[in-house]
Amino acid sequence: MTDHAPGYDLLSTELADYVELAPITEGRVRVGRVYDGPALRVRTLAIPAGVTLREHVAGAPVLIHVVAGRVRFEIGGEFHELAAGALVRADPQEKHEVYAHEDARLVLTFHPEP
């Protein structure tokens, strides 16, 4: 959901908005496009329980916000157990991996460098 108004965009009003963009699908990670703008991009990820989003890099500075569920997040050679509310910042080429202990939803905000 994106409502446009002069000076701002209302990107989401509740978690259900992310569910519509990327439903939980058994065995696979789903990606939903929330917003594309000149200074940032926002995506939502739906990761079903037991699924791993294998090691990768973001390619741009990114904020990773766990909005539902529990995940094991590996970054910088360390493992972190994260629950809803957790927020991680990663540099563009920092390798990371995510495993969902239970159905999980993440919101990623990419800040491309000029």
C-alpha atoms as a PDB file:
ATOM      1  CA  MET A   1       0.000   0.000   0.000  1.00  0.00           C
ATOM      2  CA  THR A   2       1.361   3.412  -0.920  1.00  0.00           C
ATOM      3  CA  ASP A   3      -0.690   6.573  -0.611  1.00  0.00           C
ATOM      4  CA  HIS A   4       0.899   9.664  -2.130  1.00  0.00           C
ATOM      5  CA  ALA A   5       0.484  13.159  -0.797  1.00  0.00           C
ATOM      6  CA  PRO A   6       2.502  16.344  -1.222  1.00  0.00           C
ATOM      7  CA  GLY A   7       5.640  15.936   0.854  1.00  0.00           C
ATOM      8  CA  TYR A   8       5.212  12.333   2.036  1.00  0.00           C
ATOM      9  CA  ASP A   9       4.216   8.772   1.162  1.00  0.00           C
ATOM     10  CA  LEU A  10       2.266   6.549   3.555  1.00  0.00           C
ATOM     11  CA  LEU A  11       3.895   3.187   2.857  1.00  0.00           C
ATOM     12  CA  SER A  12       2.086   0.949   5.333  1.00  0.00           C
ATOM     13  CA  THR A  13      -0.518   1.242   8.055  1.00  0.00           C
ATOM     14  CA  GLU A  14      -0.186  -2.257   9.547  1.00  0.00           C
ATOM     15  CA  LEU A  15       1.591  -5.588   9.247  1.00  0.00           C
ATOM     16  CA  ALA A  16      -1.209  -6.909   7.036  1.00  0.00           C
ATOM     17  CA  ASP A  17       0.037  -4.610   4.252  1.00  0.00           C
ATOM     18  CA  TYR A  18       3.254  -6.660   4.085  1.00  0.00           C
ATOM     19  CA  VAL A  19       1.309  -9.912   4.093  1.00  0.00           C
ATOM     20  CA  GLU A  20      -0.478  -8.824   0.924  1.00  0.00           C
ATOM     21  CA  LEU A  21       2.812  -7.924  -0.793  1.00  0.00           C
ATOM     22  CA  ALA A  22       4.631 -11.156   0.117  1.00  0.00           C
ATOM     23  CA  PRO A  23       2.598 -14.006   1.582  1.00  0.00           C
ATOM     24  CA  ILE A  24       4.312 -16.827   3.449  1.00  0.00           C
ATOM     25  CA  THR A  25       4.815 -19.647   0.933  1.00  0.00           C
ATOM     26  CA  GLU A  26       6.004 -23.031   2.184  1.00  0.00           C
ATOM     27  CA  GLY A  27       9.622 -23.699   1.277  1.00  0.00           C
ATOM     28  CA  ARG A  28      10.486 -20.369  -0.349  1.00  0.00           C
ATOM     29  CA  VAL A  29      11.365 -16.782   0.444  1.00  0.00           C
ATOM     30  CA  ARG A  30       8.977 -14.207  -1.030  1.00  0.00           C
ATOM     31  CA  VAL A  31       9.901 -10.579  -1.738  1.00  0.00           C
ATOM     32  CA  GLY A  32       7.452  -7.686  -1.951  1.00  0.00           C
ATOM     33  CA  ARG A  33       8.243  -4.223  -3.292  1.00  0.00           C
ATOM     34  CA  VAL A  34       7.079  -1.574  -0.825  1.00  0.00           C
ATOM     35  CA  TYR A  35       8.718   1.553  -2.252  1.00  0.00           C
ATOM     36  CA  ASP A  36      11.238   2.713  -4.868  1.00  0.00           C
ATOM     37  CA  GLY A  37      12.501   6.267  -4.659  1.00  0.00           C
ATOM     38  CA  PRO A  38      15.606   8.244  -5.590  1.00  0.00           C
ATOM     39  CA  ALA A  39      17.126   8.035  -2.084  1.00  0.00           C
ATOM     40  CA  LEU A  40      15.883   4.663  -0.846  1.00  0.00           C
ATOM     41  CA  ARG A  41      14.189   1.388  -1.673  1.00  0.00           C
ATOM     42  CA  VAL A  42      12.026  -0.645   0.705  1.00  0.00           C
ATOM     43  CA  ARG A  43      11.287  -4.360   0.388  1.00  0.00           C
ATOM     44  CA  THR A  44       9.500  -6.868   2.585  1.00  0.00           C
ATOM     45  CA  LEU A  45      10.624 -10.487   2.905  1.00  0.00           C
ATOM     46  CA  ALA A  46       8.450 -13.412   3.966  1.00  0.00           C
ATOM     47  CA  ILE A  47      10.536 -16.355   5.159  1.00  0.00           C
ATOM     48  CA  PRO A  48       8.686 -19.534   6.195  1.00  0.00           C
ATOM     49  CA  ALA A  49       9.806 -21.508   9.232  1.00  0.00           C
ATOM     50  CA  GLY A  50      12.756 -23.758   8.511  1.00  0.00           C
ATOM     51  CA  VAL A  51      13.909 -21.873   5.404  1.00  0.00           C
ATOM     52  CA  THR A  52      17.310 -20.199   5.012  1.00  0.00           C
ATOM     53  CA  LEU A  53      17.987 -17.139   2.899  1.00  0.00           C
ATOM     54  CA  ARG A  54      21.506 -18.189   1.930  1.00  0.00           C
ATOM     55  CA  GLU A  55      24.563 -15.987   2.340  1.00  0.00           C
ATOM     56  CA  HIS A  56      24.449 -12.879   0.174  1.00  0.00           C
ATOM     57  CA  VAL A  57      25.299  -9.165   0.130  1.00  0.00           C
ATOM     58  CA  ALA A  58      22.874  -6.267  -0.196  1.00  0.00           C
ATOM     59  CA  GLY A  59      24.860  -4.197  -2.689  1.00  0.00           C
ATOM     60  CA  ALA A  60      23.817  -0.985  -0.881  1.00  0.00           C
ATOM     61  CA  PRO A  61      23.739   0.057   2.767  1.00  0.00           C
ATOM     62  CA  VAL A  62      20.674  -1.608   4.298  1.00  0.00           C
ATOM     63  CA  LEU A  63      18.594  -1.553   7.466  1.00  0.00           C
ATOM     64  CA  ILE A  64      17.047  -4.943   8.236  1.00  0.00           C
ATOM     65  CA  HIS A  65      14.033  -4.821  10.543  1.00  0.00           C
ATOM     66  CA  VAL A  66      12.413  -8.000  11.861  1.00  0.00           C
ATOM     67  CA  VAL A  67       8.701  -7.167  12.074  1.00  0.00           C
ATOM     68  CA  ALA A  68       7.341 -10.651  12.855  1.00  0.00           C
ATOM     69  CA  GLY A  69       8.701 -14.044  13.868  1.00  0.00           C
ATOM     70  CA  ARG A  70      12.143 -15.171  15.029  1.00  0.00           C
ATOM     71  CA  VAL A  71      15.279 -15.582  12.939  1.00  0.00           C
ATOM     72  CA  ARG A  72      18.931 -16.531  13.316  1.00  0.00           C
ATOM     73  CA  PHE A  73      20.953 -13.846  11.590  1.00  0.00           C
ATOM     74  CA  GLU A  74      24.565 -14.517  10.668  1.00  0.00           C
ATOM     75  CA  ILE A  75      26.713 -11.479   9.882  1.00  0.00           C
ATOM     76  CA  GLY A  76      30.354 -10.646  10.406  1.00  0.00           C
ATOM     77  CA  GLY A  77      31.049 -14.250  11.384  1.00  0.00           C
ATOM     78  CA  GLU A  78      28.640 -13.996  14.335  1.00  0.00           C
ATOM     79  CA  PHE A  79      25.187 -15.473  14.945  1.00  0.00           C
ATOM     80  CA  HIS A  80      22.389 -13.396  16.462  1.00  0.00           C
ATOM     81  CA  GLU A  81      18.962 -14.611  17.561  1.00  0.00           C
ATOM     82  CA  LEU A  82      16.509 -11.881  16.562  1.00  0.00           C
ATOM     83  CA  ALA A  83      12.804 -11.417  17.297  1.00  0.00           C
ATOM     84  CA  ALA A  84      10.201  -8.897  16.169  1.00  0.00           C
ATOM     85  CA  GLY A  85      11.536  -5.410  16.752  1.00  0.00           C
ATOM     86  CA  ALA A  86      15.180  -6.251  16.033  1.00  0.00           C
ATOM     87  CA  LEU A  87      17.019  -3.852  13.728  1.00  0.00           C
ATOM     88  CA  VAL A  88      20.360  -4.467  12.001  1.00  0.00           C
ATOM     89  CA  ARG A  89      22.414  -2.192   9.728  1.00  0.00           C
ATOM     90  CA  ALA A  90      24.718  -3.786   7.149  1.00  0.00           C
ATOM     91  CA  ASP A  91      27.329  -2.281   4.852  1.00  0.00           C
ATOM     92  CA  PRO A  92      26.879  -2.929   1.110  1.00  0.00           C
ATOM     93  CA  GLN A  93      29.320  -5.848   0.821  1.00  0.00           C
ATOM     94  CA  GLU A  94      28.812  -7.405   4.294  1.00  0.00           C
ATOM     95  CA  LYS A  95      27.874 -11.054   3.786  1.00  0.00           C
ATOM     96  CA  HIS A  96      24.890 -12.218   5.805  1.00  0.00           C
ATOM     97  CA  GLU A  97      22.442 -15.127   6.023  1.00  0.00           C
ATOM     98  CA  VAL A  98      19.008 -15.505   7.620  1.00  0.00           C
ATOM     99  CA  TYR A  99      17.341 -18.663   8.950  1.00  0.00           C
ATOM    100  CA  ALA A 100      13.690 -18.521  10.087  1.00  0.00           C
ATOM    101  CA  HIS A 101      12.972 -20.410  13.316  1.00  0.00           C
ATOM    102  CA  GLU A 102       9.296 -19.600  12.709  1.00  0.00           C
ATOM    103  CA  ASP A 103       7.426 -17.788   9.953  1.00  0.00           C
ATOM    104  CA  ALA A 104       9.135 -14.411   9.756  1.00  0.00           C
ATOM    105  CA  ARG A 105       8.718 -11.055   8.063  1.00  0.00           C
ATOM    106  CA  LEU A 106      11.514  -8.575   7.506  1.00  0.00           C
ATOM    107  CA  VAL A 107      11.467  -5.061   6.116  1.00  0.00           C
ATOM    108  CA  LEU A 108      14.617  -3.994   4.276  1.00  0.00           C
ATOM    109  CA  THR A 109      15.436  -0.345   3.645  1.00  0.00           C
ATOM    110  CA  PHE A 110      18.212   0.189   1.126  1.00  0.00           C
ATOM    111  CA  HIS A 111      20.013   3.530   0.998  1.00  0.00           C
ATOM    112  CA  PRO A 112      21.928   3.561  -2.307  1.00  0.00           C
ATOM    113  CA  GLU A 113      25.083   5.606  -2.154  1.00  0.00           C
ATOM    114  CA  PRO A 114      25.311   8.498  -4.651  1.00  0.00           C
END
